[in-house]
PDB file of N, CA and C in Angstrom:
ATOM      1  N   MET A   1       7.853  14.037   0.746  1.00  0.00           N
ATOM      2  CA  MET A   1       7.900  13.148  -0.395  1.00  0.00           C
ATOM      3  C   MET A   1       7.568  11.737   0.032  1.00  0.00           C
ATOM      4  N   ASN A   2       6.955  11.012  -0.849  1.00  0.00           N
ATOM      5  CA  ASN A   2       6.728   9.598  -0.566  1.00  0.00           C
ATOM      6  C   ASN A   2       8.064   8.890  -0.569  1.00  0.00           C
ATOM      7  N   GLU A   3       8.262   8.025   0.395  1.00  0.00           N
ATOM      8  CA  GLU A   3       9.517   7.309   0.461  1.00  0.00           C
ATOM      9  C   GLU A   3       9.660   6.390  -0.739  1.00  0.00           C
ATOM     10  N   GLY A   4      10.834   6.443  -1.341  1.00  0.00           N
ATOM     11  CA  GLY A   4      11.124   5.531  -2.427  1.00  0.00           C
ATOM     12  C   GLY A   4      10.601   5.954  -3.788  1.00  0.00           C
ATOM     13  N   THR A   5       9.811   7.027  -3.866  1.00  0.00           N
ATOM     14  CA  THR A   5       9.279   7.407  -5.167  1.00  0.00           C
ATOM     15  C   THR A   5       9.985   8.607  -5.742  1.00  0.00           C
ATOM     16  N   GLY A   6      10.597   9.442  -4.891  1.00  0.00           N
ATOM     17  CA  GLY A   6      11.201  10.661  -5.372  1.00  0.00           C
ATOM     18  C   GLY A   6      10.132  11.595  -5.904  1.00  0.00           C
ATOM     19  N   GLY A   7      10.505  12.800  -6.256  1.00  0.00           N
ATOM     20  CA  GLY A   7       9.525  13.715  -6.826  1.00  0.00           C
ATOM     21  C   GLY A   7       8.568  14.277  -5.798  1.00  0.00           C
ATOM     22  N   ARG A   8       7.434  14.724  -6.302  1.00  0.00           N
ATOM     23  CA  ARG A   8       6.448  15.403  -5.459  1.00  0.00           C
ATOM     24  C   ARG A   8       5.648  14.423  -4.616  1.00  0.00           C
ATOM     25  N   PRO A   9       5.190  14.891  -3.438  1.00  0.00           N
ATOM     26  CA  PRO A   9       4.327  14.032  -2.627  1.00  0.00           C
ATOM     27  C   PRO A   9       2.979  13.825  -3.299  1.00  0.00           C
ATOM     28  N   ARG A  10       2.355  12.737  -2.977  1.00  0.00           N
ATOM     29  CA  ARG A  10       1.061  12.394  -3.548  1.00  0.00           C
ATOM     30  C   ARG A  10       0.012  13.400  -3.110  1.00  0.00           C
ATOM     31  N   GLU A  11      -0.844  13.803  -4.037  1.00  0.00           N
ATOM     32  CA  GLU A  11      -1.971  14.675  -3.706  1.00  0.00           C
ATOM     33  C   GLU A  11      -3.069  13.840  -3.081  1.00  0.00           C
ATOM     34  N   LEU A  12      -3.837  14.434  -2.230  1.00  0.00           N
ATOM     35  CA  LEU A  12      -4.893  13.741  -1.508  1.00  0.00           C
ATOM     36  C   LEU A  12      -6.164  14.569  -1.632  1.00  0.00           C
ATOM     37  N   THR A  13      -7.251  13.945  -2.037  1.00  0.00           N
ATOM     38  CA  THR A  13      -8.504  14.680  -2.208  1.00  0.00           C
ATOM     39  C   THR A  13      -9.279  14.742  -0.896  1.00  0.00           C
ATOM     40  N   ASP A  14     -10.189  15.710  -0.824  1.00  0.00           N
ATOM     41  CA  ASP A  14     -11.084  15.799   0.333  1.00  0.00           C
ATOM     42  C   ASP A  14     -11.842  14.488   0.495  1.00  0.00           C
ATOM     43  N   HIS A  15     -12.319  13.953  -0.607  1.00  0.00           N
ATOM     44  CA  HIS A  15     -13.105  12.714  -0.570  1.00  0.00           C
ATOM     45  C   HIS A  15     -12.294  11.565   0.032  1.00  0.00           C
ATOM     46  N   GLU A  16     -11.026  11.450  -0.347  1.00  0.00           N
ATOM     47  CA  GLU A  16     -10.185  10.376   0.194  1.00  0.00           C
ATOM     48  C   GLU A  16     -10.036  10.492   1.708  1.00  0.00           C
ATOM     49  N   VAL A  17      -9.831  11.707   2.190  1.00  0.00           N
ATOM     50  CA  VAL A  17      -9.671  11.901   3.632  1.00  0.00           C
ATOM     51  C   VAL A  17     -10.979  11.608   4.355  1.00  0.00           C
ATOM     52  N   LEU A  18     -12.074  12.158   3.856  1.00  0.00           N
ATOM     53  CA  LEU A  18     -13.366  11.948   4.514  1.00  0.00           C
ATOM     54  C   LEU A  18     -13.779  10.478   4.465  1.00  0.00           C
ATOM     55  N   SER A  19     -13.486   9.795   3.376  1.00  0.00           N
ATOM     56  CA  SER A  19     -13.799   8.365   3.273  1.00  0.00           C
ATOM     57  C   SER A  19     -12.959   7.539   4.238  1.00  0.00           C
ATOM     58  N   ALA A  20     -11.748   7.988   4.514  1.00  0.00           N
ATOM     59  CA  ALA A  20     -10.872   7.257   5.432  1.00  0.00           C
ATOM     60  C   ALA A  20     -11.473   7.181   6.833  1.00  0.00           C
ATOM     61  N   PHE A  21     -12.245   8.189   7.224  1.00  0.00           N
ATOM     62  CA  PHE A  21     -12.903   8.135   8.537  1.00  0.00           C
ATOM     63  C   PHE A  21     -13.829   6.922   8.616  1.00  0.00           C
ATOM     64  N   ASN A  22     -14.513   6.591   7.524  1.00  0.00           N
ATOM     65  CA  ASN A  22     -15.398   5.421   7.507  1.00  0.00           C
ATOM     66  C   ASN A  22     -14.613   4.124   7.628  1.00  0.00           C
ATOM     67  N   GLU A  23     -13.446   4.073   7.020  1.00  0.00           N
ATOM     68  CA  GLU A  23     -12.619   2.864   7.076  1.00  0.00           C
ATOM     69  C   GLU A  23     -12.045   2.633   8.470  1.00  0.00           C
ATOM     70  N   VAL A  24     -11.809   3.703   9.206  1.00  0.00           N
ATOM     71  CA  VAL A  24     -11.245   3.605  10.548  1.00  0.00           C
ATOM     72  C   VAL A  24     -12.245   2.972  11.515  1.00  0.00           C
ATOM     73  N   GLU A  25     -13.524   3.189  11.291  1.00  0.00           N
ATOM     74  CA  GLU A  25     -14.599   2.623  12.115  1.00  0.00           C
ATOM     75  C   GLU A  25     -14.498   3.035  13.584  1.00  0.00           C
ATOM     76  N   LYS A  26     -14.033   4.230  13.828  1.00  0.00           N
ATOM     77  CA  LYS A  26     -13.979   4.828  15.167  1.00  0.00           C
ATOM     78  C   LYS A  26     -14.590   6.224  15.053  1.00  0.00           C
ATOM     79  N   PRO A  27     -15.048   6.797  16.171  1.00  0.00           N
ATOM     80  CA  PRO A  27     -15.654   8.131  16.086  1.00  0.00           C
ATOM     81  C   PRO A  27     -14.646   9.241  15.803  1.00  0.00           C
ATOM     82  N   VAL A  28     -13.369   9.010  16.133  1.00  0.00           N
ATOM     83  CA  VAL A  28     -12.316   9.995  15.885  1.00  0.00           C
ATOM     84  C   VAL A  28     -11.092   9.276  15.329  1.00  0.00           C
ATOM     85  N   ALA A  29     -10.190  10.062  14.737  1.00  0.00           N
ATOM     86  CA  ALA A  29      -8.955   9.482  14.201  1.00  0.00           C
ATOM     87  C   ALA A  29      -7.833  10.501  14.313  1.00  0.00           C
ATOM     88  N   THR A  30      -6.621  10.008  14.382  1.00  0.00           N
ATOM     89  CA  THR A  30      -5.444  10.877  14.348  1.00  0.00           C
ATOM     90  C   THR A  30      -5.000  11.030  12.895  1.00  0.00           C
ATOM     91  N   ALA A  31      -4.194  12.045  12.650  1.00  0.00           N
ATOM     92  CA  ALA A  31      -3.645  12.231  11.307  1.00  0.00           C
ATOM     93  C   ALA A  31      -2.799  11.023  10.914  1.00  0.00           C
ATOM     94  N   GLU A  32      -2.084  10.463  11.864  1.00  0.00           N
ATOM     95  CA  GLU A  32      -1.246   9.295  11.577  1.00  0.00           C
ATOM     96  C   GLU A  32      -2.090   8.094  11.151  1.00  0.00           C
ATOM     97  N   LEU A  33      -3.193   7.857  11.845  1.00  0.00           N
ATOM     98  CA  LEU A  33      -4.074   6.748  11.483  1.00  0.00           C
ATOM     99  C   LEU A  33      -4.683   6.968  10.099  1.00  0.00           C
ATOM    100  N   LEU A  34      -5.089   8.191   9.807  1.00  0.00           N
ATOM    101  CA  LEU A  34      -5.647   8.490   8.484  1.00  0.00           C
ATOM    102  C   LEU A  34      -4.573   8.363   7.403  1.00  0.00           C
ATOM    103  N   ALA A  35      -3.338   8.711   7.735  1.00  0.00           N
ATOM    104  CA  ALA A  35      -2.237   8.549   6.783  1.00  0.00           C
ATOM    105  C   ALA A  35      -2.023   7.076   6.463  1.00  0.00           C
ATOM    106  N   ASP A  36      -2.067   6.231   7.482  1.00  0.00           N
ATOM    107  CA  ASP A  36      -1.934   4.789   7.255  1.00  0.00           C
ATOM    108  C   ASP A  36      -3.083   4.269   6.399  1.00  0.00           C
ATOM    109  N   THR A  37      -4.275   4.760   6.653  1.00  0.00           N
ATOM    110  CA  THR A  37      -5.462   4.304   5.930  1.00  0.00           C
ATOM    111  C   THR A  37      -5.442   4.742   4.472  1.00  0.00           C
ATOM    112  N   THR A  38      -4.953   5.955   4.208  1.00  0.00           N
ATOM    113  CA  THR A  38      -4.940   6.485   2.840  1.00  0.00           C
ATOM    114  C   THR A  38      -3.638   6.190   2.109  1.00  0.00           C
ATOM    115  N   ASP A  39      -2.651   5.659   2.815  1.00  0.00           N
ATOM    116  CA  ASP A  39      -1.323   5.411   2.243  1.00  0.00           C
ATOM    117  C   ASP A  39      -0.710   6.706   1.710  1.00  0.00           C
ATOM    118  N   ALA A  40      -0.888   7.773   2.473  1.00  0.00           N
ATOM    119  CA  ALA A  40      -0.332   9.081   2.126  1.00  0.00           C
ATOM    120  C   ALA A  40       0.548   9.548   3.281  1.00  0.00           C
ATOM    121  N   PRO A  41       1.485  10.431   3.014  1.00  0.00           N
ATOM    122  CA  PRO A  41       2.323  10.949   4.100  1.00  0.00           C
ATOM    123  C   PRO A  41       1.482  11.690   5.147  1.00  0.00           C
ATOM    124  N   ARG A  42       1.862  11.557   6.406  1.00  0.00           N
ATOM    125  CA  ARG A  42       1.126  12.207   7.491  1.00  0.00           C
ATOM    126  C   ARG A  42       1.043  13.711   7.282  1.00  0.00           C
ATOM    127  N   ARG A  43       2.115  14.310   6.814  1.00  0.00           N
ATOM    128  CA  ARG A  43       2.128  15.757   6.582  1.00  0.00           C
ATOM    129  C   ARG A  43       1.079  16.157   5.545  1.00  0.00           C
ATOM    130  N   THR A  44       0.917  15.348   4.506  1.00  0.00           N
ATOM    131  CA  THR A  44      -0.092  15.614   3.478  1.00  0.00           C
ATOM    132  C   THR A  44      -1.491  15.506   4.063  1.00  0.00           C
ATOM    133  N   VAL A  45      -1.725  14.477   4.864  1.00  0.00           N
ATOM    134  CA  VAL A  45      -3.034  14.294   5.501  1.00  0.00           C
ATOM    135  C   VAL A  45      -3.318  15.454   6.447  1.00  0.00           C
ATOM    136  N   LEU A  46      -2.341  15.848   7.222  1.00  0.00           N
ATOM    137  CA  LEU A  46      -2.525  16.941   8.167  1.00  0.00           C
ATOM    138  C   LEU A  46      -2.854  18.251   7.449  1.00  0.00           C
ATOM    139  N   ARG A  47      -2.165  18.514   6.356  1.00  0.00           N
ATOM    140  CA  ARG A  47      -2.455  19.727   5.580  1.00  0.00           C
ATOM    141  C   ARG A  47      -3.893  19.700   5.068  1.00  0.00           C
ATOM    142  N   ARG A  48      -4.318  18.553   4.543  1.00  0.00           N
ATOM    143  CA  ARG A  48      -5.686  18.434   4.022  1.00  0.00           C
ATOM    144  C   ARG A  48      -6.707  18.554   5.154  1.00  0.00           C
ATOM    145  N   LEU A  49      -6.426  17.959   6.321  1.00  0.00           N
ATOM    146  CA  LEU A  49      -7.334  18.082   7.467  1.00  0.00           C
ATOM    147  C   LEU A  49      -7.496  19.542   7.881  1.00  0.00           C
ATOM    148  N   ARG A  50      -6.409  20.287   7.888  1.00  0.00           N
ATOM    149  CA  ARG A  50      -6.494  21.714   8.250  1.00  0.00           C
ATOM    150  C   ARG A  50      -7.330  22.489   7.236  1.00  0.00           C
ATOM    151  N   GLU A  51      -7.189  22.156   5.964  1.00  0.00           N
ATOM    152  CA  GLU A  51      -8.008  22.807   4.935  1.00  0.00           C
ATOM    153  C   GLU A  51      -9.483  22.450   5.116  1.00  0.00           C
ATOM    154  N   LEU A  52      -9.751  21.187   5.425  1.00  0.00           N
ATOM    155  CA  LEU A  52     -11.131  20.756   5.672  1.00  0.00           C
ATOM    156  C   LEU A  52     -11.692  21.429   6.924  1.00  0.00           C
ATOM    157  N   GLU A  53     -10.849  21.622   7.925  1.00  0.00           N
ATOM    158  CA  GLU A  53     -11.296  22.323   9.136  1.00  0.00           C
ATOM    159  C   GLU A  53     -11.645  23.775   8.814  1.00  0.00           C
ATOM    160  N   ASP A  54     -10.838  24.419   7.998  1.00  0.00           N
ATOM    161  CA  ASP A  54     -11.126  25.802   7.596  1.00  0.00           C
ATOM    162  C   ASP A  54     -12.466  25.906   6.879  1.00  0.00           C
ATOM    163  N   GLY A  55     -12.849  24.846   6.181  1.00  0.00           N
ATOM    164  CA  GLY A  55     -14.130  24.809   5.480  1.00  0.00           C
ATOM    165  C   GLY A  55     -15.252  24.214   6.318  1.00  0.00           C
ATOM    166  N   ASP A  56     -15.013  24.033   7.617  1.00  0.00           N
ATOM    167  CA  ASP A  56     -16.009  23.469   8.544  1.00  0.00           C
ATOM    168  C   ASP A  56     -16.477  22.079   8.139  1.00  0.00           C
ATOM    169  N   ARG A  57     -15.594  21.293   7.536  1.00  0.00           N
ATOM    170  CA  ARG A  57     -15.958  19.933   7.124  1.00  0.00           C
ATOM    171  C   ARG A  57     -15.446  18.880   8.088  1.00  0.00           C
ATOM    172  N   VAL A  58     -14.443  19.229   8.903  1.00  0.00           N
ATOM    173  CA  VAL A  58     -13.984  18.357   9.984  1.00  0.00           C
ATOM    174  C   VAL A  58     -13.768  19.213  11.225  1.00  0.00           C
ATOM    175  N   LYS A  59     -13.754  18.543  12.363  1.00  0.00           N
ATOM    176  CA  LYS A  59     -13.499  19.195  13.651  1.00  0.00           C
ATOM    177  C   LYS A  59     -12.286  18.526  14.277  1.00  0.00           C
ATOM    178  N   ARG A  60     -11.651  19.236  15.199  1.00  0.00           N
ATOM    179  CA  ARG A  60     -10.499  18.650  15.892  1.00  0.00           C
ATOM    180  C   ARG A  60     -10.552  18.983  17.371  1.00  0.00           C
ATOM    181  N   TRP A  61      -9.842  18.155  18.145  1.00  0.00           N
ATOM    182  CA  TRP A  61      -9.739  18.344  19.584  1.00  0.00           C
ATOM    183  C   TRP A  61      -8.333  17.965  20.003  1.00  0.00           C
ATOM    184  N   LYS A  62      -7.648  18.883  20.658  1.00  0.00           N
ATOM    185  CA  LYS A  62      -6.311  18.607  21.181  1.00  0.00           C
ATOM    186  C   LYS A  62      -6.493  17.910  22.523  1.00  0.00           C
ATOM    187  N   VAL A  63      -6.152  16.634  22.585  1.00  0.00           N
ATOM    188  CA  VAL A  63      -6.438  15.820  23.766  1.00  0.00           C
ATOM    189  C   VAL A  63      -5.233  15.644  24.687  1.00  0.00           C
ATOM    190  N   GLY A  64      -4.104  16.165  24.284  1.00  0.00           N
ATOM    191  CA  GLY A  64      -2.898  16.040  25.099  1.00  0.00           C
ATOM    192  C   GLY A  64      -1.871  17.051  24.639  1.00  0.00           C
ATOM    193  N   GLY A  65      -0.650  16.891  25.107  1.00  0.00           N
ATOM    194  CA  GLY A  65       0.417  17.811  24.749  1.00  0.00           C
ATOM    195  C   GLY A  65       0.562  18.000  23.249  1.00  0.00           C
ATOM    196  N   ARG A  66       0.606  16.901  22.520  1.00  0.00           N
ATOM    197  CA  ARG A  66       0.727  16.969  21.062  1.00  0.00           C
ATOM    198  C   ARG A  66      -0.330  16.142  20.362  1.00  0.00           C
ATOM    199  N   ALA A  67      -1.149  15.448  21.112  1.00  0.00           N
ATOM    200  CA  ALA A  67      -2.151  14.550  20.520  1.00  0.00           C
ATOM    201  C   ALA A  67      -3.393  15.332  20.085  1.00  0.00           C
ATOM    202  N   VAL A  68      -3.781  15.118  18.831  1.00  0.00           N
ATOM    203  CA  VAL A  68      -4.973  15.756  18.268  1.00  0.00           C
ATOM    204  C   VAL A  68      -5.803  14.679  17.594  1.00  0.00           C
ATOM    205  N   VAL A  69      -7.102  14.702  17.854  1.00  0.00           N
ATOM    206  CA  VAL A  69      -8.013  13.793  17.157  1.00  0.00           C
ATOM    207  C   VAL A  69      -8.930  14.615  16.265  1.00  0.00           C
ATOM    208  N   TRP A  70      -9.351  13.994  15.184  1.00  0.00           N
ATOM    209  CA  TRP A  70     -10.183  14.637  14.165  1.00  0.00           C
ATOM    210  C   TRP A  70     -11.431  13.805  13.935  1.00  0.00           C
ATOM    211  N   TRP A  71     -12.519  14.445  13.494  1.00  0.00           N
ATOM    212  CA  TRP A  71     -13.740  13.731  13.119  1.00  0.00           C
ATOM    213  C   TRP A  71     -14.497  14.563  12.102  1.00  0.00           C
ATOM    214  N   PRO A  72     -15.307  13.912  11.264  1.00  0.00           N
ATOM    215  CA  PRO A  72     -16.096  14.657  10.275  1.00  0.00           C
ATOM    216  C   PRO A  72     -17.119  15.546  10.982  1.00  0.00           C
ATOM    217  N   ALA A  73     -17.344  16.724  10.433  1.00  0.00           N
ATOM    218  CA  ALA A  73     -18.373  17.621  10.965  1.00  0.00           C
ATOM    219  C   ALA A  73     -19.744  16.992  10.739  1.00  0.00           C
ATOM    220  N   ASP A  74     -20.714  17.423  11.489  1.00  0.00           N
ATOM    221  CA  ASP A  74     -22.066  16.864  11.399  1.00  0.00           C
ATOM    222  C   ASP A  74     -22.657  16.957  10.002  1.00  0.00           C
ATOM    223  N   ASN A  75     -22.229  17.952   9.231  1.00  0.00           N
ATOM    224  CA  ASN A  75     -22.796  18.134   7.892  1.00  0.00           C
ATOM    225  C   ASN A  75     -22.185  17.217   6.848  1.00  0.00           C
ATOM    226  N   GLU A  76     -21.239  16.356   7.236  1.00  0.00           N
ATOM    227  CA  GLU A  76     -20.600  15.452   6.260  1.00  0.00           C
ATOM    228  C   GLU A  76     -21.304  14.130   6.208  1.00  0.00           C
TER     229      GLU A  76
END
């Protein structure tokens, strides 16, 4: 849930997540950075990133024990 709003968490569109990569101005981003950029909960961003990965629209790389970076697929 969004803090302070109660109720359901905010929905996040594919377009919002993919556009956030442009705002970050880096070749890769973490779910936390994209959450800050979209003003959405990290869990919501992570769920959407996984759905986009299933559709081959983003790629991910586990760079450490728990660290994962994401980037738009070449076709985006």
